[in-house]
Amino acid sequence: MLDTALPGPHRRARAALFARWGGLALGAALAWGTAQSDRLGLGILHAIPVFGICTVVGILAADALIPNRQGPVRQAGLTPRHIRDFLPVRFATLLATQAAALITLLTTAALTASADDIGRASRSLSAACGGLTESHGPWPGLFYSAPILGALGVGSAACGYALYRITRRPAPDGDSALLAADEEQRRDRALAVTAAWGLLVSAPLAGAAFFASGALRSLSCLGPAPHAVGWILLPVAATAGCTAVWSLLVVAAPLSVPRRQP
């Protein structure tokens, strides 16, 4: 319950905190329900973007609670704001690298995939040598890569809009301390949106690299080079898994609430 005795800015900060947690709670509930309808792993693949997009909606709702500047005369800085000014550069660079790795892996897997033992297309990896045909799955072919890439496209658009909205929102009227607090809130929310996008990238990369590694290392007909790639994919999966956990922690971190003045 919001404390009506608090000044307006403090009430809005509390409301923003509840809005962000509301997005997390809604995303967790919908993701859980989506994962329960699992079909060969597709439920979990769909649950990840559901959670991430609901989280972004909660962050946008929190940002919308900041009032627009009032009055006929407004002051504005001469330096325009850009998304890059609020992005966590190292984190964003890591996620961009992982996104490139994910797209490369899924594209390669789609081109080399085959049907599984009951005829489901693009879900297995097969190799033949000496009259023997080996097959191993799951393999991140189109059966899995199509929903992953679709979710990544939709999620990237949602996160991009959220970053644009956070960056271009007018600054509140007030002294330098209030403006500094507003800048800090923008960075906090930009970090959370970036982490939400990170879940759409790192979680699927961890799973795709792990299962691709298992398939490449299991087929003796492939030879040493694909086996070596399989071993290389293991640290890729581990790094992506750690990034996914870190992204989840960042997304769940609450916004800072201004202290009540005595």
C-alpha atoms as a PDB file:
ATOM      1  CA  MET A   1       0.000   0.000   0.000  1.00  0.00           C
ATOM      2  CA  LEU A   2       1.288   3.437  -0.905  1.00  0.00           C
ATOM      3  CA  ASP A   3       1.908   5.818   1.995  1.00  0.00           C
ATOM      4  CA  THR A   4      -0.238   8.879   1.261  1.00  0.00           C
ATOM      5  CA  ALA A   5       1.705  10.826   3.889  1.00  0.00           C
ATOM      6  CA  LEU A   6       4.781  10.720   1.678  1.00  0.00           C
ATOM      7  CA  PRO A   7       5.493  13.652  -0.640  1.00  0.00           C
ATOM      8  CA  GLY A   8       4.464  13.274  -4.278  1.00  0.00           C
ATOM      9  CA  PRO A   9       7.886  12.265  -5.625  1.00  0.00           C
ATOM     10  CA  HIS A  10       8.216   9.533  -3.009  1.00  0.00           C
ATOM     11  CA  ARG A  11       4.745   8.157  -3.753  1.00  0.00           C
ATOM     12  CA  ARG A  12       5.542   8.079  -7.452  1.00  0.00           C
ATOM     13  CA  ALA A  13       8.826   6.298  -6.741  1.00  0.00           C
ATOM     14  CA  ARG A  14       6.991   3.665  -4.695  1.00  0.00           C
ATOM     15  CA  ALA A  15       4.377   3.295  -7.434  1.00  0.00           C
ATOM     16  CA  ALA A  16       7.155   2.886 -10.004  1.00  0.00           C
ATOM     17  CA  LEU A  17       8.692   0.170  -7.845  1.00  0.00           C
ATOM     18  CA  PHE A  18       5.370  -1.677  -7.651  1.00  0.00           C
ATOM     19  CA  ALA A  19       4.870  -1.297 -11.410  1.00  0.00           C
ATOM     20  CA  ARG A  20       8.235  -2.884 -12.087  1.00  0.00           C
ATOM     21  CA  TRP A  21       7.582  -5.731  -9.663  1.00  0.00           C
ATOM     22  CA  GLY A  22       4.121  -6.130 -11.174  1.00  0.00           C
ATOM     23  CA  GLY A  23       5.679  -6.682 -14.590  1.00  0.00           C
ATOM     24  CA  LEU A  24       8.030  -9.253 -13.095  1.00  0.00           C
ATOM     25  CA  ALA A  25       5.196 -11.065 -11.306  1.00  0.00           C
ATOM     26  CA  LEU A  26       2.980 -11.093 -14.395  1.00  0.00           C
ATOM     27  CA  GLY A  27       5.868 -12.296 -16.547  1.00  0.00           C
ATOM     28  CA  ALA A  28       6.744 -15.070 -14.093  1.00  0.00           C
ATOM     29  CA  ALA A  29       3.135 -16.259 -13.929  1.00  0.00           C
ATOM     30  CA  LEU A  30       2.634 -16.241 -17.707  1.00  0.00           C
ATOM     31  CA  ALA A  31       6.025 -17.841 -18.300  1.00  0.00           C
ATOM     32  CA  TRP A  32       5.210 -20.611 -15.821  1.00  0.00           C
ATOM     33  CA  GLY A  33       1.906 -21.304 -17.545  1.00  0.00           C
ATOM     34  CA  THR A  34       3.570 -21.260 -20.951  1.00  0.00           C
ATOM     35  CA  ALA A  35       6.300 -23.659 -19.838  1.00  0.00           C
ATOM     36  CA  GLN A  36       3.693 -26.106 -18.526  1.00  0.00           C
ATOM     37  CA  SER A  37       2.397 -26.559 -22.058  1.00  0.00           C
ATOM     38  CA  ASP A  38       5.808 -27.896 -23.003  1.00  0.00           C
ATOM     39  CA  ARG A  39       6.179 -29.780 -26.274  1.00  0.00           C
ATOM     40  CA  LEU A  40       9.691 -31.064 -26.888  1.00  0.00           C
ATOM     41  CA  GLY A  41      11.152 -27.967 -25.240  1.00  0.00           C
ATOM     42  CA  LEU A  42       9.082 -25.401 -27.167  1.00  0.00           C
ATOM     43  CA  GLY A  43       7.166 -24.360 -24.038  1.00  0.00           C
ATOM     44  CA  ILE A  44      10.360 -23.232 -22.338  1.00  0.00           C
ATOM     45  CA  LEU A  45      11.495 -21.422 -25.489  1.00  0.00           C
ATOM     46  CA  HIS A  46       8.237 -19.471 -25.543  1.00  0.00           C
ATOM     47  CA  ALA A  47       8.297 -18.813 -21.802  1.00  0.00           C
ATOM     48  CA  ILE A  48      11.582 -16.883 -21.965  1.00  0.00           C
ATOM     49  CA  PRO A  49      10.372 -14.082 -24.295  1.00  0.00           C
ATOM     50  CA  VAL A  50       7.023 -13.926 -22.457  1.00  0.00           C
ATOM     51  CA  PHE A  51       8.869 -13.184 -19.219  1.00  0.00           C
ATOM     52  CA  GLY A  52      11.254 -10.721 -20.860  1.00  0.00           C
ATOM     53  CA  ILE A  53       8.546  -8.717 -22.649  1.00  0.00           C
ATOM     54  CA  CYS A  54       6.356  -8.516 -19.524  1.00  0.00           C
ATOM     55  CA  THR A  55       9.382  -7.239 -17.638  1.00  0.00           C
ATOM     56  CA  VAL A  56       9.936  -4.521 -20.247  1.00  0.00           C
ATOM     57  CA  VAL A  57       6.250  -3.536 -20.009  1.00  0.00           C
ATOM     58  CA  GLY A  58       6.645  -3.172 -16.236  1.00  0.00           C
ATOM     59  CA  ILE A  59       9.699  -0.962 -16.703  1.00  0.00           C
ATOM     60  CA  LEU A  60       7.834   1.202 -19.224  1.00  0.00           C
ATOM     61  CA  ALA A  61       4.911   1.499 -16.797  1.00  0.00           C
ATOM     62  CA  ALA A  62       7.320   2.589 -14.061  1.00  0.00           C
ATOM     63  CA  ASP A  63       8.882   5.157 -16.365  1.00  0.00           C
ATOM     64  CA  ALA A  64       5.446   6.488 -17.376  1.00  0.00           C
ATOM     65  CA  LEU A  65       4.723   7.364 -13.734  1.00  0.00           C
ATOM     66  CA  ILE A  66       7.279  10.164 -13.927  1.00  0.00           C
ATOM     67  CA  PRO A  67       5.264  13.358 -14.569  1.00  0.00           C
ATOM     68  CA  ASN A  68       5.899  15.577 -17.547  1.00  0.00           C
ATOM     69  CA  ARG A  69       7.282  19.035 -16.968  1.00  0.00           C
ATOM     70  CA  GLN A  70       4.626  21.587 -16.186  1.00  0.00           C
ATOM     71  CA  GLY A  71       4.345  25.321 -16.820  1.00  0.00           C
ATOM     72  CA  PRO A  72       4.560  27.568 -19.871  1.00  0.00           C
ATOM     73  CA  VAL A  73       8.307  28.124 -19.522  1.00  0.00           C
ATOM     74  CA  ARG A  74      10.590  25.121 -19.636  1.00  0.00           C
ATOM     75  CA  GLN A  75      14.322  24.760 -19.523  1.00  0.00           C
ATOM     76  CA  ALA A  76      16.226  22.146 -21.449  1.00  0.00           C
ATOM     77  CA  GLY A  77      19.833  21.274 -21.857  1.00  0.00           C
ATOM     78  CA  LEU A  78      21.481  21.904 -25.187  1.00  0.00           C
ATOM     79  CA  THR A  79      22.968  18.404 -25.355  1.00  0.00           C
ATOM     80  CA  PRO A  80      20.489  15.869 -26.817  1.00  0.00           C
ATOM     81  CA  ARG A  81      20.133  12.491 -25.131  1.00  0.00           C
ATOM     82  CA  HIS A  82      21.016   9.355 -27.047  1.00  0.00           C
ATOM     83  CA  ILE A  83      20.394   5.713 -26.182  1.00  0.00           C
ATOM     84  CA  ARG A  84      24.123   5.063 -26.117  1.00  0.00           C
ATOM     85  CA  ASP A  85      24.479   7.590 -23.287  1.00  0.00           C
ATOM     86  CA  PHE A  86      22.526   5.300 -20.944  1.00  0.00           C
ATOM     87  CA  LEU A  87      23.494   1.853 -22.198  1.00  0.00           C
ATOM     88  CA  PRO A  88      25.878  -0.246 -20.080  1.00  0.00           C
ATOM     89  CA  VAL A  89      28.577  -0.444 -22.758  1.00  0.00           C
ATOM     90  CA  ARG A  90      30.425  -3.581 -21.640  1.00  0.00           C
ATOM     91  CA  PHE A  91      27.255  -5.510 -20.901  1.00  0.00           C
ATOM     92  CA  ALA A  92      25.673  -4.481 -24.203  1.00  0.00           C
ATOM     93  CA  THR A  93      28.845  -5.436 -26.088  1.00  0.00           C
ATOM     94  CA  LEU A  94      28.842  -8.877 -24.448  1.00  0.00           C
ATOM     95  CA  LEU A  95      25.197  -9.410 -25.349  1.00  0.00           C
ATOM     96  CA  ALA A  96      25.731  -8.230 -28.931  1.00  0.00           C
ATOM     97  CA  THR A  97      28.577 -10.734 -29.260  1.00  0.00           C
ATOM     98  CA  GLN A  98      26.389 -13.503 -27.882  1.00  0.00           C
ATOM     99  CA  ALA A  99      23.549 -12.498 -30.220  1.00  0.00           C
ATOM    100  CA  ALA A 100      25.903 -12.822 -33.186  1.00  0.00           C
ATOM    101  CA  ALA A 101      27.044 -16.225 -31.904  1.00  0.00           C
ATOM    102  CA  LEU A 102      23.418 -17.331 -31.437  1.00  0.00           C
ATOM    103  CA  ILE A 103      22.395 -16.308 -34.958  1.00  0.00           C
ATOM    104  CA  THR A 104      25.480 -17.978 -36.447  1.00  0.00           C
ATOM    105  CA  LEU A 105      24.909 -21.189 -34.511  1.00  0.00           C
ATOM    106  CA  LEU A 106      21.201 -21.384 -35.337  1.00  0.00           C
ATOM    107  CA  THR A 107      21.789 -20.636 -39.027  1.00  0.00           C
ATOM    108  CA  THR A 108      24.469 -23.326 -39.276  1.00  0.00           C
ATOM    109  CA  ALA A 109      22.322 -25.801 -37.355  1.00  0.00           C
ATOM    110  CA  ALA A 110      19.331 -25.135 -39.611  1.00  0.00           C
ATOM    111  CA  LEU A 111      21.427 -25.819 -42.717  1.00  0.00           C
ATOM    112  CA  THR A 112      22.755 -29.116 -41.356  1.00  0.00           C
ATOM    113  CA  ALA A 113      19.664 -30.460 -39.587  1.00  0.00           C
ATOM    114  CA  SER A 114      17.692 -33.543 -40.539  1.00  0.00           C
ATOM    115  CA  ALA A 115      14.480 -35.224 -39.417  1.00  0.00           C
ATOM    116  CA  ASP A 116      14.425 -37.169 -36.169  1.00  0.00           C
ATOM    117  CA  ASP A 117      13.569 -40.855 -35.790  1.00  0.00           C
ATOM    118  CA  ILE A 118       9.808 -40.302 -36.174  1.00  0.00           C
ATOM    119  CA  GLY A 119      10.044 -37.844 -39.048  1.00  0.00           C
ATOM    120  CA  ARG A 120       9.888 -34.440 -37.307  1.00  0.00           C
ATOM    121  CA  ALA A 121      11.806 -32.141 -39.616  1.00  0.00           C
ATOM    122  CA  SER A 122      14.974 -30.253 -38.639  1.00  0.00           C
ATOM    123  CA  ARG A 123      15.235 -31.664 -35.132  1.00  0.00           C
ATOM    124  CA  SER A 124      18.214 -34.011 -35.388  1.00  0.00           C
ATOM    125  CA  LEU A 125      21.781 -34.214 -36.700  1.00  0.00           C
ATOM    126  CA  SER A 126      22.735 -37.166 -38.875  1.00  0.00           C
ATOM    127  CA  ALA A 127      25.993 -38.402 -40.371  1.00  0.00           C
ATOM    128  CA  ALA A 128      26.879 -41.405 -42.526  1.00  0.00           C
ATOM    129  CA  CYS A 129      30.167 -43.270 -42.909  1.00  0.00           C
ATOM    130  CA  GLY A 130      31.093 -46.796 -43.953  1.00  0.00           C
ATOM    131  CA  GLY A 131      27.497 -47.775 -44.617  1.00  0.00           C
ATOM    132  CA  LEU A 132      26.505 -46.671 -41.098  1.00  0.00           C
ATOM    133  CA  THR A 133      24.159 -43.766 -40.391  1.00  0.00           C
ATOM    134  CA  GLU A 134      24.259 -42.085 -36.988  1.00  0.00           C
ATOM    135  CA  SER A 135      21.737 -39.628 -35.653  1.00  0.00           C
ATOM    136  CA  HIS A 136      21.564 -37.547 -32.488  1.00  0.00           C
ATOM    137  CA  GLY A 137      19.056 -35.057 -31.118  1.00  0.00           C
ATOM    138  CA  PRO A 138      17.823 -32.658 -30.073  1.00  0.00           C
ATOM    139  CA  TRP A 139      19.635 -30.456 -32.566  1.00  0.00           C
ATOM    140  CA  PRO A 140      18.884 -26.715 -32.831  1.00  0.00           C
ATOM    141  CA  GLY A 141      17.541 -26.824 -36.381  1.00  0.00           C
ATOM    142  CA  LEU A 142      14.524 -24.913 -37.657  1.00  0.00           C
ATOM    143  CA  PHE A 143      12.236 -26.808 -35.278  1.00  0.00           C
ATOM    144  CA  TYR A 144      13.844 -24.789 -32.465  1.00  0.00           C
ATOM    145  CA  SER A 145      15.619 -21.936 -34.221  1.00  0.00           C
ATOM    146  CA  ALA A 146      12.495 -20.510 -35.884  1.00  0.00           C
ATOM    147  CA  PRO A 147      10.702 -19.708 -32.583  1.00  0.00           C
ATOM    148  CA  ILE A 148      13.979 -18.522 -31.020  1.00  0.00           C
ATOM    149  CA  LEU A 149      14.704 -16.073 -33.835  1.00  0.00           C
ATOM    150  CA  GLY A 150      11.078 -14.941 -33.979  1.00  0.00           C
ATOM    151  CA  ALA A 151      11.057 -14.205 -30.245  1.00  0.00           C
ATOM    152  CA  LEU A 152      14.407 -12.453 -30.535  1.00  0.00           C
ATOM    153  CA  GLY A 153      13.054 -10.195 -33.276  1.00  0.00           C
ATOM    154  CA  VAL A 154       9.881  -9.260 -31.361  1.00  0.00           C
ATOM    155  CA  GLY A 155      11.780  -8.837 -28.095  1.00  0.00           C
ATOM    156  CA  SER A 156      14.458  -6.695 -29.717  1.00  0.00           C
ATOM    157  CA  ALA A 157      11.794  -4.364 -31.113  1.00  0.00           C
ATOM    158  CA  ALA A 158      10.118  -4.085 -27.686  1.00  0.00           C
ATOM    159  CA  CYS A 159      13.412  -3.420 -25.909  1.00  0.00           C
ATOM    160  CA  GLY A 160      14.458  -0.901 -28.539  1.00  0.00           C
ATOM    161  CA  TYR A 161      11.212   1.026 -28.098  1.00  0.00           C
ATOM    162  CA  ALA A 162      11.617   0.936 -24.317  1.00  0.00           C
ATOM    163  CA  LEU A 163      15.135   2.366 -24.562  1.00  0.00           C
ATOM    164  CA  TYR A 164      13.894   5.087 -26.930  1.00  0.00           C
ATOM    165  CA  ARG A 165      11.055   5.973 -24.555  1.00  0.00           C
ATOM    166  CA  ILE A 166      13.343   6.076 -21.517  1.00  0.00           C
ATOM    167  CA  THR A 167      15.930   8.194 -23.316  1.00  0.00           C
ATOM    168  CA  ARG A 168      13.598  10.741 -24.929  1.00  0.00           C
ATOM    169  CA  ARG A 169      11.272  11.304 -21.972  1.00  0.00           C
ATOM    170  CA  PRO A 170      11.383  15.010 -20.950  1.00  0.00           C
ATOM    171  CA  ALA A 171      13.413  15.736 -17.840  1.00  0.00           C
ATOM    172  CA  PRO A 172      11.504  16.982 -14.777  1.00  0.00           C
ATOM    173  CA  ASP A 173      11.766  20.564 -13.588  1.00  0.00           C
ATOM    174  CA  GLY A 174      13.931  20.998 -10.526  1.00  0.00           C
ATOM    175  CA  ASP A 175      17.375  21.587  -9.156  1.00  0.00           C
ATOM    176  CA  SER A 176      20.564  19.780 -10.098  1.00  0.00           C
ATOM    177  CA  ALA A 177      19.995  17.066  -7.467  1.00  0.00           C
ATOM    178  CA  LEU A 178      16.608  16.164  -8.970  1.00  0.00           C
ATOM    179  CA  LEU A 179      18.041  16.136 -12.472  1.00  0.00           C
ATOM    180  CA  ALA A 180      20.910  13.901 -11.339  1.00  0.00           C
ATOM    181  CA  ALA A 181      18.396  11.493  -9.764  1.00  0.00           C
ATOM    182  CA  ASP A 182      16.433  11.443 -13.029  1.00  0.00           C
ATOM    183  CA  GLU A 183      19.571  10.585 -14.984  1.00  0.00           C
ATOM    184  CA  GLU A 184      20.318   7.769 -12.543  1.00  0.00           C
ATOM    185  CA  GLN A 185      16.807   6.372 -12.963  1.00  0.00           C
ATOM    186  CA  ARG A 186      17.220   6.418 -16.736  1.00  0.00           C
ATOM    187  CA  ARG A 187      20.446   4.440 -16.442  1.00  0.00           C
ATOM    188  CA  ASP A 188      18.850   1.977 -14.024  1.00  0.00           C
ATOM    189  CA  ARG A 189      15.930   1.329 -16.353  1.00  0.00           C
ATOM    190  CA  ALA A 190      18.137   1.170 -19.439  1.00  0.00           C
ATOM    191  CA  LEU A 191      20.236  -1.457 -17.647  1.00  0.00           C
ATOM    192  CA  ALA A 192      17.099  -3.443 -16.764  1.00  0.00           C
ATOM    193  CA  VAL A 193      15.820  -3.309 -20.356  1.00  0.00           C
ATOM    194  CA  THR A 194      19.246  -4.399 -21.622  1.00  0.00           C
ATOM    195  CA  ALA A 195      19.188  -7.303 -19.164  1.00  0.00           C
ATOM    196  CA  ALA A 196      15.697  -8.289 -20.345  1.00  0.00           C
ATOM    197  CA  TRP A 197      17.046  -8.406 -23.888  1.00  0.00           C
ATOM    198  CA  GLY A 198      19.981 -10.379 -22.526  1.00  0.00           C
ATOM    199  CA  LEU A 199      17.598 -13.108 -21.374  1.00  0.00           C
ATOM    200  CA  LEU A 200      16.293 -13.403 -24.940  1.00  0.00           C
ATOM    201  CA  VAL A 201      19.863 -13.867 -26.171  1.00  0.00           C
ATOM    202  CA  SER A 202      21.872 -15.688 -23.521  1.00  0.00           C
ATOM    203  CA  ALA A 203      19.308 -18.267 -22.346  1.00  0.00           C
ATOM    204  CA  PRO A 204      18.639 -19.674 -25.857  1.00  0.00           C
ATOM    205  CA  LEU A 205      22.360 -19.538 -26.648  1.00  0.00           C
ATOM    206  CA  ALA A 206      23.164 -21.574 -23.541  1.00  0.00           C
ATOM    207  CA  GLY A 207      20.638 -24.249 -24.496  1.00  0.00           C
ATOM    208  CA  ALA A 208      21.458 -24.313 -28.200  1.00  0.00           C
ATOM    209  CA  ALA A 209      25.226 -24.487 -27.614  1.00  0.00           C
ATOM    210  CA  PHE A 210      24.838 -27.210 -24.979  1.00  0.00           C
ATOM    211  CA  PHE A 211      22.684 -29.512 -27.119  1.00  0.00           C
ATOM    212  CA  ALA A 212      24.698 -28.816 -30.265  1.00  0.00           C
ATOM    213  CA  SER A 213      27.849 -29.707 -28.357  1.00  0.00           C
ATOM    214  CA  GLY A 214      26.339 -33.006 -27.235  1.00  0.00           C
ATOM    215  CA  ALA A 215      25.314 -33.928 -30.761  1.00  0.00           C
ATOM    216  CA  LEU A 216      28.666 -33.044 -32.326  1.00  0.00           C
ATOM    217  CA  ARG A 217      30.607 -35.009 -29.718  1.00  0.00           C
ATOM    218  CA  SER A 218      28.328 -38.044 -29.978  1.00  0.00           C
ATOM    219  CA  LEU A 219      28.606 -38.776 -33.703  1.00  0.00           C
ATOM    220  CA  SER A 220      31.817 -40.627 -34.515  1.00  0.00           C
ATOM    221  CA  CYS A 221      31.209 -40.290 -38.262  1.00  0.00           C
ATOM    222  CA  LEU A 222      31.741 -36.547 -38.153  1.00  0.00           C
ATOM    223  CA  GLY A 223      35.480 -36.688 -37.579  1.00  0.00           C
ATOM    224  CA  PRO A 224      37.814 -34.642 -35.358  1.00  0.00           C
ATOM    225  CA  ALA A 225      36.966 -31.119 -36.555  1.00  0.00           C
ATOM    226  CA  PRO A 226      33.246 -31.229 -35.601  1.00  0.00           C
ATOM    227  CA  HIS A 227      34.219 -32.925 -32.329  1.00  0.00           C
ATOM    228  CA  ALA A 228      36.552 -30.016 -31.582  1.00  0.00           C
ATOM    229  CA  VAL A 229      33.725 -27.565 -32.316  1.00  0.00           C
ATOM    230  CA  GLY A 230      31.575 -29.542 -29.899  1.00  0.00           C
ATOM    231  CA  TRP A 231      34.120 -29.037 -27.124  1.00  0.00           C
ATOM    232  CA  ILE A 232      34.426 -25.328 -27.964  1.00  0.00           C
ATOM    233  CA  LEU A 233      30.667 -24.944 -27.611  1.00  0.00           C
ATOM    234  CA  LEU A 234      30.765 -26.108 -23.987  1.00  0.00           C
ATOM    235  CA  PRO A 235      32.440 -22.932 -22.622  1.00  0.00           C
ATOM    236  CA  VAL A 236      30.156 -20.902 -24.902  1.00  0.00           C
ATOM    237  CA  ALA A 237      27.151 -22.557 -23.237  1.00  0.00           C
ATOM    238  CA  ALA A 238      28.619 -21.995 -19.768  1.00  0.00           C
ATOM    239  CA  THR A 239      29.335 -18.314 -20.449  1.00  0.00           C
ATOM    240  CA  ALA A 240      25.858 -17.773 -21.869  1.00  0.00           C
ATOM    241  CA  GLY A 241      24.318 -19.544 -18.877  1.00  0.00           C
ATOM    242  CA  CYS A 242      26.181 -17.273 -16.457  1.00  0.00           C
ATOM    243  CA  THR A 243      25.093 -14.249 -18.490  1.00  0.00           C
ATOM    244  CA  ALA A 244      21.471 -15.411 -18.338  1.00  0.00           C
ATOM    245  CA  VAL A 245      21.642 -15.745 -14.545  1.00  0.00           C
ATOM    246  CA  TRP A 246      23.228 -12.288 -14.237  1.00  0.00           C
ATOM    247  CA  SER A 247      20.582 -10.810 -16.553  1.00  0.00           C
ATOM    248  CA  LEU A 248      17.822 -12.305 -14.416  1.00  0.00           C
ATOM    249  CA  LEU A 249      19.357 -10.834 -11.269  1.00  0.00           C
ATOM    250  CA  VAL A 250      19.613  -7.403 -12.890  1.00  0.00           C
ATOM    251  CA  VAL A 251      16.012  -7.558 -14.104  1.00  0.00           C
ATOM    252  CA  ALA A 252      14.780  -8.505 -10.632  1.00  0.00           C
ATOM    253  CA  ALA A 253      16.782  -5.769  -8.854  1.00  0.00           C
ATOM    254  CA  PRO A 254      14.367  -3.149  -7.484  1.00  0.00           C
ATOM    255  CA  LEU A 255      14.530   0.500  -8.399  1.00  0.00           C
ATOM    256  CA  SER A 256      16.028   2.743  -5.811  1.00  0.00           C
ATOM    257  CA  VAL A 257      13.430   4.633  -3.772  1.00  0.00           C
ATOM    258  CA  PRO A 258      14.313   8.150  -2.631  1.00  0.00           C
ATOM    259  CA  ARG A 259      14.738   8.449   1.076  1.00  0.00           C
ATOM    260  CA  ARG A 260      12.101  10.288   3.016  1.00  0.00           C
ATOM    261  CA  GLN A 261      13.269  13.609   4.226  1.00  0.00           C
ATOM    262  CA  PRO A 262      13.102  14.126   8.019  1.00  0.00           C
END
